[in-house]
Amino acid sequence: MNAKQQVQNLLDFIDASPSPWHVVNTIEAQLATQAQTWKRLDETAKWILQPGGRYYVVRDDSSIVLFVQGQRPLVETGFKIIGAHTDSPGLRLKPNAASASDGLLRLGVEIYGGPILATFTDRDLSLAGRISYKNDQNDITSLLVKFDQPLLRLPNLAIHMNRTVNEEGLKLQKQTELPLILSALTEQQLPQACFSTLLQQQSGIASERILSWDLAVYDTQKGTFWGSESEFYANSQLDNLASCHAALQALLADTVTQTDSTLVCALFDHEEIGSQSNKGADGSFLPDVLQRIAHSSATDGEDYARALAKSFMISADMAHAYQPNFPNAYDSGHKVSVNKGPVIKVNANQSYSSESVSAAMFADWCKQAEVPYQTYSHRCDMPCGSTIGPITSAKLGIRSIDVGSPMWAMHSIRESAGVLDHDYMIRVMKRFFAA
């Protein structure tokens, strides 16, 4: 595929994945179309792995680790890992969300991570996620739900009532001004009953069987190309589904056949809220999987430690592209540009895991792949974000690099990036797996 086809594939991937639970489901659907067979592993069952085998394991529906078992012993090759995250900042529905006020049914939301709240106003919003219910066998199970139609809205306050909005910016009171309008409501209708009926209609599950849910608010507008030459693209969740998609494409590449090394893609939920969960990067998910891979090949404790010492991880998360309207937000020596290649992210205080050796190794892979690269450092007088890189590198004791494709409007409901950069990132990830 050329660069534009790769990005169209990415936009389709994002449009099919409005929640972390849908991300994993979309990945599973893609695995089913591959010529090579991918086997899903159960964490409660014994694993019997074969050299060259393709496997994946899912934890709690929204984190997934995929791997190709290497032909050579782990102690000789170590693991080659690409890590990214399936979640994005936004709004999540509260448990008792429905309320009535002045003839309108509204849904209360909680802020997940650090979204730019103003960007959620005046958008065609809807809901996606999973519901948990009791099935006919009286077991608790889960089902994905996605409302395709615009269901919700957060109307802005008219400028006549907020005269300073253009000078001071839109500020939303998080408890009282974020509830989303769902519908008109008559006096006879009960808010929670109306919402339960809506879930029943969408899921096909009787409302009395539905016990709980995880529902995210998403923008129904599809991804698109923009610019005079369609050199840019826009969608929600580029941070960080663009990195997930790039890692997946590298792992599914035709060049990944009889690989000597064990190749791993670890895509975690909960990065945007600190990664501290059973399925986050600060949890046991990836260490558990790597240890079980080692155990299946009779790699003992000392050899497993030796294998980790030979391992490398690319922590892939998006990077801040220079926006010339806001020059004071950037370090003048580290202005990275859209469509100029992957960004090596450096922070002396280890908000990023990059150091000189890992940076040099990634730069060399870029050169081998004939891909340009850039280096980014945050302004010293502004707080720097972090990634799964330092967390995972510290937990496993392996060398790591933090990289990302440059983008604009990170954490907006509508983010933008460059068409060439996504193809560049896939190419260097392929080179990493082949190195």
Protein backbone atom coordinates (compact mmCIF):
# COMPACT_ATOMS: atom_id res chain seq x y z
CA MET A 1 0.00 0.00 0.00
CA ASN A 2 1.13 3.55 -0.64
CA ALA A 3 1.05 6.23 2.06
CA LYS A 4 -2.48 7.44 1.31
CA GLN A 5 -3.85 3.89 1.26
CA GLN A 6 -2.18 3.22 4.62
CA VAL A 7 -3.89 6.27 6.11
CA GLN A 8 -7.27 5.33 4.63
CA ASN A 9 -6.82 1.95 6.29
CA LEU A 10 -6.03 3.77 9.54
CA LEU A 11 -9.12 6.00 9.26
CA ASP A 12 -11.30 2.93 8.69
CA PHE A 13 -9.66 1.29 11.72
CA ILE A 14 -10.45 4.29 13.92
CA ASP A 15 -14.00 4.70 12.62
CA ALA A 16 -14.68 1.05 13.52
CA SER A 17 -13.14 1.51 16.99
CA PRO A 18 -14.88 4.26 19.00
CA SER A 19 -13.88 2.75 22.34
CA PRO A 20 -10.94 0.69 23.69
CA TRP A 21 -13.18 -2.40 23.72
CA HIS A 22 -13.96 -1.87 20.05
CA VAL A 23 -10.25 -1.43 19.27
CA VAL A 24 -9.48 -4.97 20.42
CA ASN A 25 -12.54 -6.31 18.60
CA THR A 26 -11.42 -4.59 15.38
CA ILE A 27 -7.94 -6.08 15.73
CA GLU A 28 -9.39 -9.56 16.24
CA ALA A 29 -11.53 -9.13 13.13
CA GLN A 30 -8.45 -8.14 11.14
CA LEU A 31 -6.50 -11.14 12.40
CA ALA A 32 -9.28 -13.40 11.11
CA THR A 33 -8.67 -12.14 7.57
CA GLN A 34 -4.94 -12.93 7.55
CA ALA A 35 -3.45 -15.75 5.52
CA GLN A 36 -1.46 -16.84 8.57
CA THR A 37 -3.53 -18.32 11.38
CA TRP A 38 -3.59 -16.42 14.67
CA LYS A 39 -4.59 -18.37 17.78
CA ARG A 40 -6.25 -16.70 20.75
CA LEU A 41 -4.83 -17.85 24.07
CA ASP A 42 -6.78 -18.12 27.31
CA GLU A 43 -4.98 -16.86 30.41
CA THR A 44 -6.70 -19.56 32.51
CA ALA A 45 -5.48 -22.41 30.27
CA LYS A 46 -2.07 -23.99 29.81
CA TRP A 47 -0.16 -22.55 26.84
CA ILE A 48 1.58 -24.82 24.35
CA LEU A 49 3.49 -22.63 21.90
CA GLN A 50 5.29 -23.60 18.71
CA PRO A 51 8.24 -21.83 17.03
CA GLY A 52 6.86 -19.60 14.30
CA GLY A 53 3.39 -19.68 15.84
CA ARG A 54 1.19 -16.58 15.91
CA TYR A 55 -0.71 -15.93 19.11
CA TYR A 56 -2.59 -13.24 20.99
CA VAL A 57 -4.14 -12.82 24.41
CA VAL A 58 -6.80 -10.34 25.53
CA ARG A 59 -7.27 -9.06 29.07
CA ASP A 60 -10.63 -7.59 30.05
CA ASP A 61 -11.64 -6.90 26.43
CA SER A 62 -9.59 -3.70 25.93
CA SER A 63 -5.90 -4.67 26.22
CA ILE A 64 -4.22 -7.11 23.84
CA VAL A 65 -0.76 -8.62 23.44
CA LEU A 66 0.07 -10.21 20.10
CA PHE A 67 3.26 -12.14 19.41
CA VAL A 68 5.07 -14.26 16.84
CA GLN A 69 7.12 -16.97 18.49
CA GLY A 70 10.73 -16.85 17.29
CA GLN A 71 12.57 -19.77 15.76
CA ARG A 72 15.70 -19.29 17.86
CA PRO A 73 15.96 -19.59 21.67
CA LEU A 74 14.92 -16.50 23.61
CA VAL A 75 18.23 -16.35 25.43
CA GLU A 76 19.93 -15.73 22.07
CA THR A 77 17.55 -13.13 20.66
CA GLY A 78 15.46 -11.59 23.43
CA PHE A 79 12.10 -9.97 22.68
CA LYS A 80 11.40 -7.23 20.15
CA ILE A 81 8.45 -5.29 21.57
CA ILE A 82 6.32 -2.41 20.30
CA GLY A 83 4.03 -0.89 22.92
CA ALA A 84 1.14 1.53 22.47
CA HIS A 85 -2.23 2.23 24.08
CA THR A 86 -5.85 1.64 23.06
CA ASP A 87 -7.51 4.36 25.13
CA SER A 88 -7.96 8.06 24.38
CA PRO A 89 -9.01 10.96 26.63
CA GLY A 90 -12.67 11.87 26.58
CA LEU A 91 -15.95 11.51 28.43
CA ARG A 92 -17.36 8.36 30.04
CA LEU A 93 -20.93 7.78 31.11
CA LYS A 94 -21.63 7.69 34.85
CA PRO A 95 -23.41 4.61 36.33
CA ASN A 96 -26.64 6.48 37.13
CA ALA A 97 -26.28 8.87 34.24
CA ALA A 98 -29.84 9.75 33.25
CA SER A 99 -31.53 12.79 34.78
CA ALA A 100 -34.47 15.05 33.88
CA SER A 101 -34.34 18.82 33.87
CA ASP A 102 -36.70 21.34 32.26
CA GLY A 103 -38.23 18.78 29.94
CA LEU A 104 -34.89 17.39 28.73
CA LEU A 105 -33.26 14.02 29.37
CA ARG A 106 -29.55 14.49 30.03
CA LEU A 107 -26.72 12.01 30.64
CA GLY A 108 -24.09 12.73 33.26
CA VAL A 109 -20.48 12.07 32.29
CA GLU A 110 -17.13 11.76 34.00
CA ILE A 111 -13.92 13.09 32.48
CA TYR A 112 -11.51 10.34 31.42
CA GLY A 113 -7.90 11.50 31.22
CA GLY A 114 -7.14 15.00 29.97
CA PRO A 115 -9.33 15.90 26.98
CA ILE A 116 -9.70 19.43 25.59
CA LEU A 117 -13.26 19.79 26.86
CA ALA A 118 -14.21 22.74 24.66
CA THR A 119 -13.80 20.57 21.56
CA PHE A 120 -16.71 18.37 22.66
CA THR A 121 -19.22 21.20 22.28
CA ASP A 122 -21.48 21.40 19.22
CA ARG A 123 -20.39 17.99 17.91
CA ASP A 124 -22.51 15.05 16.72
CA LEU A 125 -21.81 12.73 19.66
CA SER A 126 -22.86 9.20 20.43
CA LEU A 127 -22.06 6.25 22.74
CA ALA A 128 -19.94 3.11 22.36
CA GLY A 129 -18.49 0.53 24.71
CA ARG A 130 -19.70 -2.62 26.40
CA ILE A 131 -22.55 -3.75 28.61
CA SER A 132 -22.38 -6.54 31.17
CA TYR A 133 -25.45 -8.72 31.62
CA LYS A 134 -26.72 -12.14 32.69
CA ASN A 135 -27.22 -14.56 29.81
CA ASP A 136 -29.65 -17.47 29.51
CA GLN A 137 -27.24 -19.71 31.46
CA ASN A 138 -27.29 -17.15 34.29
CA ASP A 139 -23.63 -16.29 33.68
CA ILE A 140 -22.35 -12.72 33.55
CA THR A 141 -21.02 -11.86 30.10
CA SER A 142 -20.28 -8.76 28.03
CA LEU A 143 -21.45 -7.40 24.70
CA LEU A 144 -20.12 -4.54 22.59
CA VAL A 145 -22.57 -1.76 21.77
CA LYS A 146 -22.21 1.17 19.40
CA PHE A 147 -24.84 3.75 18.55
CA ASP A 148 -24.06 4.78 14.98
CA GLN A 149 -26.44 7.73 14.85
CA PRO A 150 -25.75 11.09 16.54
CA LEU A 151 -27.36 10.58 19.92
CA LEU A 152 -26.03 13.34 22.17
CA ARG A 153 -24.99 16.97 22.07
CA LEU A 154 -23.32 19.54 24.29
CA PRO A 155 -24.63 22.86 22.94
CA ASN A 156 -22.42 25.85 23.50
CA LEU A 157 -23.60 28.92 25.38
CA ALA A 158 -24.38 31.77 22.98
CA ILE A 159 -21.81 34.55 22.88
CA HIS A 160 -24.54 36.98 23.99
CA MET A 161 -24.40 35.24 27.38
CA ASN A 162 -20.66 34.67 27.42
CA ARG A 163 -19.17 37.86 26.02
CA THR A 164 -15.58 37.09 27.06
CA VAL A 165 -15.37 33.63 25.51
CA ASN A 166 -13.10 34.78 22.66
CA GLU A 167 -10.74 36.53 25.05
CA GLU A 168 -10.72 34.08 27.95
CA GLY A 169 -11.55 30.81 26.19
CA LEU A 170 -14.42 28.43 26.80
CA LYS A 171 -14.43 27.17 30.39
CA LEU A 172 -16.85 24.39 31.32
CA GLN A 173 -17.78 23.62 34.92
CA LYS A 174 -16.98 19.91 35.06
CA GLN A 175 -19.92 18.79 37.21
CA THR A 176 -22.77 21.01 36.09
CA GLU A 177 -22.00 22.04 32.50
CA LEU A 178 -20.94 18.73 30.92
CA PRO A 179 -24.16 16.64 31.06
CA LEU A 180 -25.15 15.79 27.48
CA ILE A 181 -28.62 16.34 26.06
CA LEU A 182 -30.19 13.08 24.88
CA SER A 183 -33.88 13.81 24.21
CA ALA A 184 -37.03 15.63 25.16
CA LEU A 185 -38.90 14.07 28.06
CA THR A 186 -42.54 14.09 29.07
CA GLU A 187 -43.63 14.27 32.69
CA GLN A 188 -44.73 10.62 32.62
CA GLN A 189 -41.33 9.30 31.51
CA LEU A 190 -38.68 8.25 34.03
CA PRO A 191 -35.11 9.19 32.98
CA GLN A 192 -33.37 5.93 33.92
CA ALA A 193 -36.15 3.82 32.41
CA CYS A 194 -35.83 5.74 29.12
CA PHE A 195 -32.10 5.16 29.01
CA SER A 196 -32.49 1.47 29.91
CA THR A 197 -34.95 1.07 27.05
CA LEU A 198 -32.45 2.69 24.71
CA LEU A 199 -29.75 0.20 25.74
CA GLN A 200 -32.18 -2.67 25.31
CA GLN A 201 -33.10 -1.56 21.80
CA GLN A 202 -29.48 -1.22 20.75
CA SER A 203 -28.14 -4.42 22.34
CA GLY A 204 -31.11 -6.75 22.04
CA ILE A 205 -30.67 -7.60 25.74
CA ALA A 206 -33.66 -7.22 28.05
CA SER A 207 -33.12 -4.18 30.27
CA GLU A 208 -33.66 -6.17 33.47
CA ARG A 209 -30.68 -8.39 32.52
CA ILE A 210 -28.31 -5.47 31.97
CA LEU A 211 -26.33 -5.02 35.18
CA SER A 212 -23.68 -2.42 34.29
CA TRP A 213 -21.80 -0.78 31.44
CA ASP A 214 -18.62 0.94 30.28
CA LEU A 215 -19.73 3.54 27.74
CA ALA A 216 -17.56 6.19 26.10
CA VAL A 217 -18.74 9.32 24.30
CA TYR A 218 -17.45 9.50 20.73
CA ASP A 219 -17.68 11.80 17.71
CA THR A 220 -19.69 10.28 14.88
CA GLN A 221 -17.90 12.31 12.19
CA LYS A 222 -15.75 10.00 10.07
CA GLY A 223 -12.05 10.50 9.49
CA THR A 224 -11.01 12.49 6.44
CA PHE A 225 -8.11 13.79 4.38
CA TRP A 226 -7.58 17.54 4.20
CA GLY A 227 -5.19 20.10 2.72
CA SER A 228 -4.74 21.32 -0.85
CA GLU A 229 -2.99 18.05 -1.77
CA SER A 230 -4.79 15.89 0.82
CA GLU A 231 -1.46 15.72 2.62
CA PHE A 232 -3.05 15.78 6.10
CA TYR A 233 -5.72 13.70 7.79
CA ALA A 234 -8.05 14.24 10.73
CA ASN A 235 -10.01 11.99 13.06
CA SER A 236 -10.62 11.36 16.73
CA GLN A 237 -8.31 9.10 18.76
CA LEU A 238 -5.18 9.56 16.65
CA ASP A 239 -3.55 9.60 20.07
CA ASN A 240 -2.99 6.73 20.18
CA LEU A 241 -4.77 4.52 17.65
CA ALA A 242 -2.39 5.70 14.92
CA SER A 243 0.45 4.05 16.86
CA CYS A 244 -1.60 0.90 17.52
CA HIS A 245 -2.42 0.64 13.82
CA ALA A 246 1.21 1.18 12.75
CA ALA A 247 2.45 -1.50 15.17
CA LEU A 248 -0.20 -3.94 13.98
CA GLN A 249 0.65 -3.35 10.31
CA ALA A 250 4.32 -4.00 11.03
CA LEU A 251 3.53 -7.26 12.81
CA LEU A 252 1.18 -8.43 10.04
CA ALA A 253 3.62 -7.54 7.25
CA ASP A 254 4.49 -10.17 4.66
CA THR A 255 8.13 -9.88 5.74
CA VAL A 256 7.28 -11.33 9.15
CA THR A 257 7.46 -15.02 8.30
CA GLN A 258 10.09 -17.29 9.81
CA THR A 259 11.52 -14.80 12.28
CA ASP A 260 14.43 -15.69 14.55
CA SER A 261 13.33 -13.31 17.31
CA THR A 262 10.06 -13.33 19.24
CA LEU A 263 8.09 -10.28 18.09
CA VAL A 264 5.55 -8.66 20.42
CA CYS A 265 2.89 -5.95 20.10
CA ALA A 266 1.52 -4.87 23.49
CA LEU A 267 -1.47 -2.54 23.27
CA PHE A 268 -2.69 -1.38 26.68
CA ASP A 269 -5.80 0.32 28.01
CA HIS A 270 -5.64 2.97 30.77
CA GLU A 271 -2.50 4.85 29.64
CA GLU A 272 -4.38 8.16 29.73
CA ILE A 273 -5.12 7.70 33.45
CA GLY A 274 -1.74 6.46 34.63
CA SER A 275 -1.63 2.78 33.54
CA GLN A 276 -2.19 1.45 37.07
CA SER A 277 -4.67 -1.37 36.51
CA ASN A 278 -4.68 -5.11 35.88
CA LYS A 279 -4.62 -4.42 32.14
CA GLY A 280 -2.51 -1.26 32.06
CA ALA A 281 1.19 -0.95 31.28
CA ASP A 282 1.91 -0.64 35.01
CA GLY A 283 0.10 -3.91 35.68
CA SER A 284 1.20 -7.51 35.26
CA PHE A 285 -0.22 -8.15 31.78
CA LEU A 286 2.93 -7.88 29.67
CA PRO A 287 5.28 -9.44 32.27
CA ASP A 288 2.83 -12.34 32.63
CA VAL A 289 2.75 -12.93 28.87
CA LEU A 290 6.53 -12.72 28.44
CA GLN A 291 7.14 -15.08 31.37
CA ARG A 292 4.69 -17.61 29.94
CA ILE A 293 6.35 -17.39 26.52
CA ALA A 294 9.67 -18.11 28.23
CA HIS A 295 8.20 -20.93 30.30
CA SER A 296 6.71 -22.61 27.21
CA SER A 297 10.17 -22.80 25.65
CA ALA A 298 11.78 -24.12 28.86
CA THR A 299 13.64 -20.85 29.43
CA ASP A 300 14.53 -20.87 33.13
CA GLY A 301 14.81 -17.90 35.49
CA GLU A 302 18.40 -16.95 34.71
CA ASP A 303 17.98 -17.40 30.96
CA TYR A 304 14.78 -15.35 31.09
CA ALA A 305 16.71 -12.51 32.75
CA ARG A 306 19.37 -12.85 30.05
CA ALA A 307 16.66 -12.71 27.37
CA LEU A 308 15.23 -9.49 28.85
CA ALA A 309 18.73 -7.99 28.86
CA LYS A 310 18.87 -8.62 25.08
CA SER A 311 15.39 -7.20 24.48
CA PHE A 312 14.30 -3.83 23.12
CA MET A 313 11.00 -1.96 23.22
CA ILE A 314 9.65 0.83 21.04
CA SER A 315 7.13 2.82 23.05
CA ALA A 316 4.99 4.43 20.34
CA ASP A 317 2.83 7.40 21.26
CA MET A 318 2.08 10.55 19.29
CA ALA A 319 4.31 13.65 19.32
CA HIS A 320 3.62 17.40 19.35
CA ALA A 321 4.06 18.94 15.90
CA TYR A 322 4.98 22.60 15.66
CA GLN A 323 1.93 24.83 15.14
CA PRO A 324 3.14 28.22 13.84
CA ASN A 325 0.14 30.07 15.31
CA PHE A 326 1.50 29.30 18.80
CA PRO A 327 5.32 29.65 18.60
CA ASN A 328 5.71 30.32 22.32
CA ALA A 329 4.51 26.80 23.15
CA TYR A 330 7.63 25.17 21.71
CA ASP A 331 11.36 24.98 22.29
CA SER A 332 12.78 26.81 19.28
CA GLY A 333 15.50 24.17 18.85
CA HIS A 334 13.04 21.28 18.79
CA LYS A 335 10.29 22.29 16.37
CA VAL A 336 9.22 19.01 14.73
CA SER A 337 7.18 19.17 11.54
CA VAL A 338 4.29 17.19 10.11
CA ASN A 339 5.27 14.89 7.22
CA LYS A 340 8.95 15.04 8.14
CA GLY A 341 9.23 11.64 9.82
CA PRO A 342 8.97 9.86 13.19
CA VAL A 343 9.94 11.81 16.30
CA ILE A 344 12.38 10.59 18.94
CA LYS A 345 11.08 12.03 22.23
CA VAL A 346 13.68 12.96 24.84
CA ASN A 347 13.26 14.11 28.45
CA ALA A 348 16.12 14.26 30.96
CA ASN A 349 13.72 13.49 33.82
CA GLN A 350 12.61 10.26 32.14
CA SER A 351 9.09 11.26 31.25
CA TYR A 352 10.22 9.48 28.09
CA SER A 353 12.40 6.36 28.18
CA SER A 354 14.75 7.46 25.39
CA GLU A 355 18.48 7.71 26.08
CA SER A 356 21.46 8.12 23.75
CA VAL A 357 21.97 4.43 22.93
CA SER A 358 18.29 3.66 22.23
CA ALA A 359 17.97 6.91 20.27
CA ALA A 360 20.98 5.99 18.15
CA MET A 361 19.56 2.53 17.49
CA PHE A 362 16.21 3.94 16.37
CA ALA A 363 17.92 6.54 14.19
CA ASP A 364 19.88 3.74 12.53
CA TRP A 365 16.70 1.74 11.85
CA CYS A 366 15.20 4.86 10.27
CA LYS A 367 18.23 5.21 8.01
CA GLN A 368 18.03 1.54 7.03
CA ALA A 369 14.34 1.99 6.19
CA GLU A 370 15.13 5.22 4.29
CA VAL A 371 12.85 7.15 6.63
CA PRO A 372 13.61 10.68 7.93
CA TYR A 373 13.46 11.25 11.68
CA GLN A 374 13.24 14.18 14.10
CA THR A 375 14.01 14.80 17.78
CA TYR A 376 11.72 16.51 20.26
CA SER A 377 12.29 18.05 23.69
CA HIS A 378 9.59 19.87 25.65
CA ARG A 379 9.90 23.44 26.92
CA CYS A 380 11.55 23.47 30.35
CA ASP A 381 8.92 25.83 31.77
CA MET A 382 5.96 23.61 30.85
CA PRO A 383 4.95 20.22 32.32
CA CYS A 384 5.90 17.30 30.08
CA GLY A 385 3.52 14.42 29.43
CA SER A 386 4.64 10.82 29.78
CA THR A 387 4.02 7.45 28.15
CA ILE A 388 4.08 3.72 28.81
CA GLY A 389 7.80 3.71 27.93
CA PRO A 390 9.35 4.53 31.32
CA ILE A 391 6.78 2.38 33.14
CA THR A 392 7.32 -0.74 31.05
CA SER A 393 11.07 -0.31 30.71
CA ALA A 394 11.45 -0.04 34.49
CA LYS A 395 9.14 -3.00 35.15
CA LEU A 396 10.96 -5.30 32.73
CA GLY A 397 14.48 -3.87 32.91
CA ILE A 398 14.82 -3.57 29.13
CA ARG A 399 16.17 -0.84 26.89
CA SER A 400 13.46 1.35 25.39
CA ILE A 401 12.86 4.32 23.12
CA ASP A 402 9.91 6.72 23.06
CA VAL A 403 8.84 7.77 19.57
CA GLY A 404 5.73 9.06 17.84
CA SER A 405 4.32 10.56 14.68
CA PRO A 406 3.94 14.36 14.86
CA MET A 407 0.40 15.64 15.20
CA TRP A 408 -1.65 18.74 15.94
CA ALA A 409 -4.34 19.29 18.60
CA MET A 410 -3.43 16.34 20.81
CA HIS A 411 -6.36 15.42 23.11
CA SER A 412 -8.87 17.34 21.02
CA ILE A 413 -11.91 15.37 19.90
CA ARG A 414 -10.63 16.06 16.36
CA GLU A 415 -6.87 15.63 15.89
CA SER A 416 -4.72 16.04 12.76
CA ALA A 417 -1.51 14.53 11.40
CA GLY A 418 0.45 14.02 8.18
CA VAL A 419 -0.15 11.29 5.60
CA LEU A 420 3.55 10.60 4.99
CA ASP A 421 4.35 10.20 8.67
CA HIS A 422 2.07 7.23 9.22
CA ASP A 423 3.71 5.35 6.36
CA TYR A 424 7.16 6.33 7.67
CA MET A 425 6.31 4.93 11.10
CA ILE A 426 5.10 1.62 9.66
CA ARG A 427 8.26 1.30 7.59
CA VAL A 428 10.65 1.83 10.50
CA MET A 429 8.64 -0.54 12.71
CA LYS A 430 8.92 -3.20 10.00
CA ARG A 431 12.65 -2.60 9.93
CA PHE A 432 12.86 -2.98 13.71
CA PHE A 433 11.10 -6.33 13.59
CA ALA A 434 13.36 -7.49 10.74
CA ALA A 435 16.63 -6.25 12.32
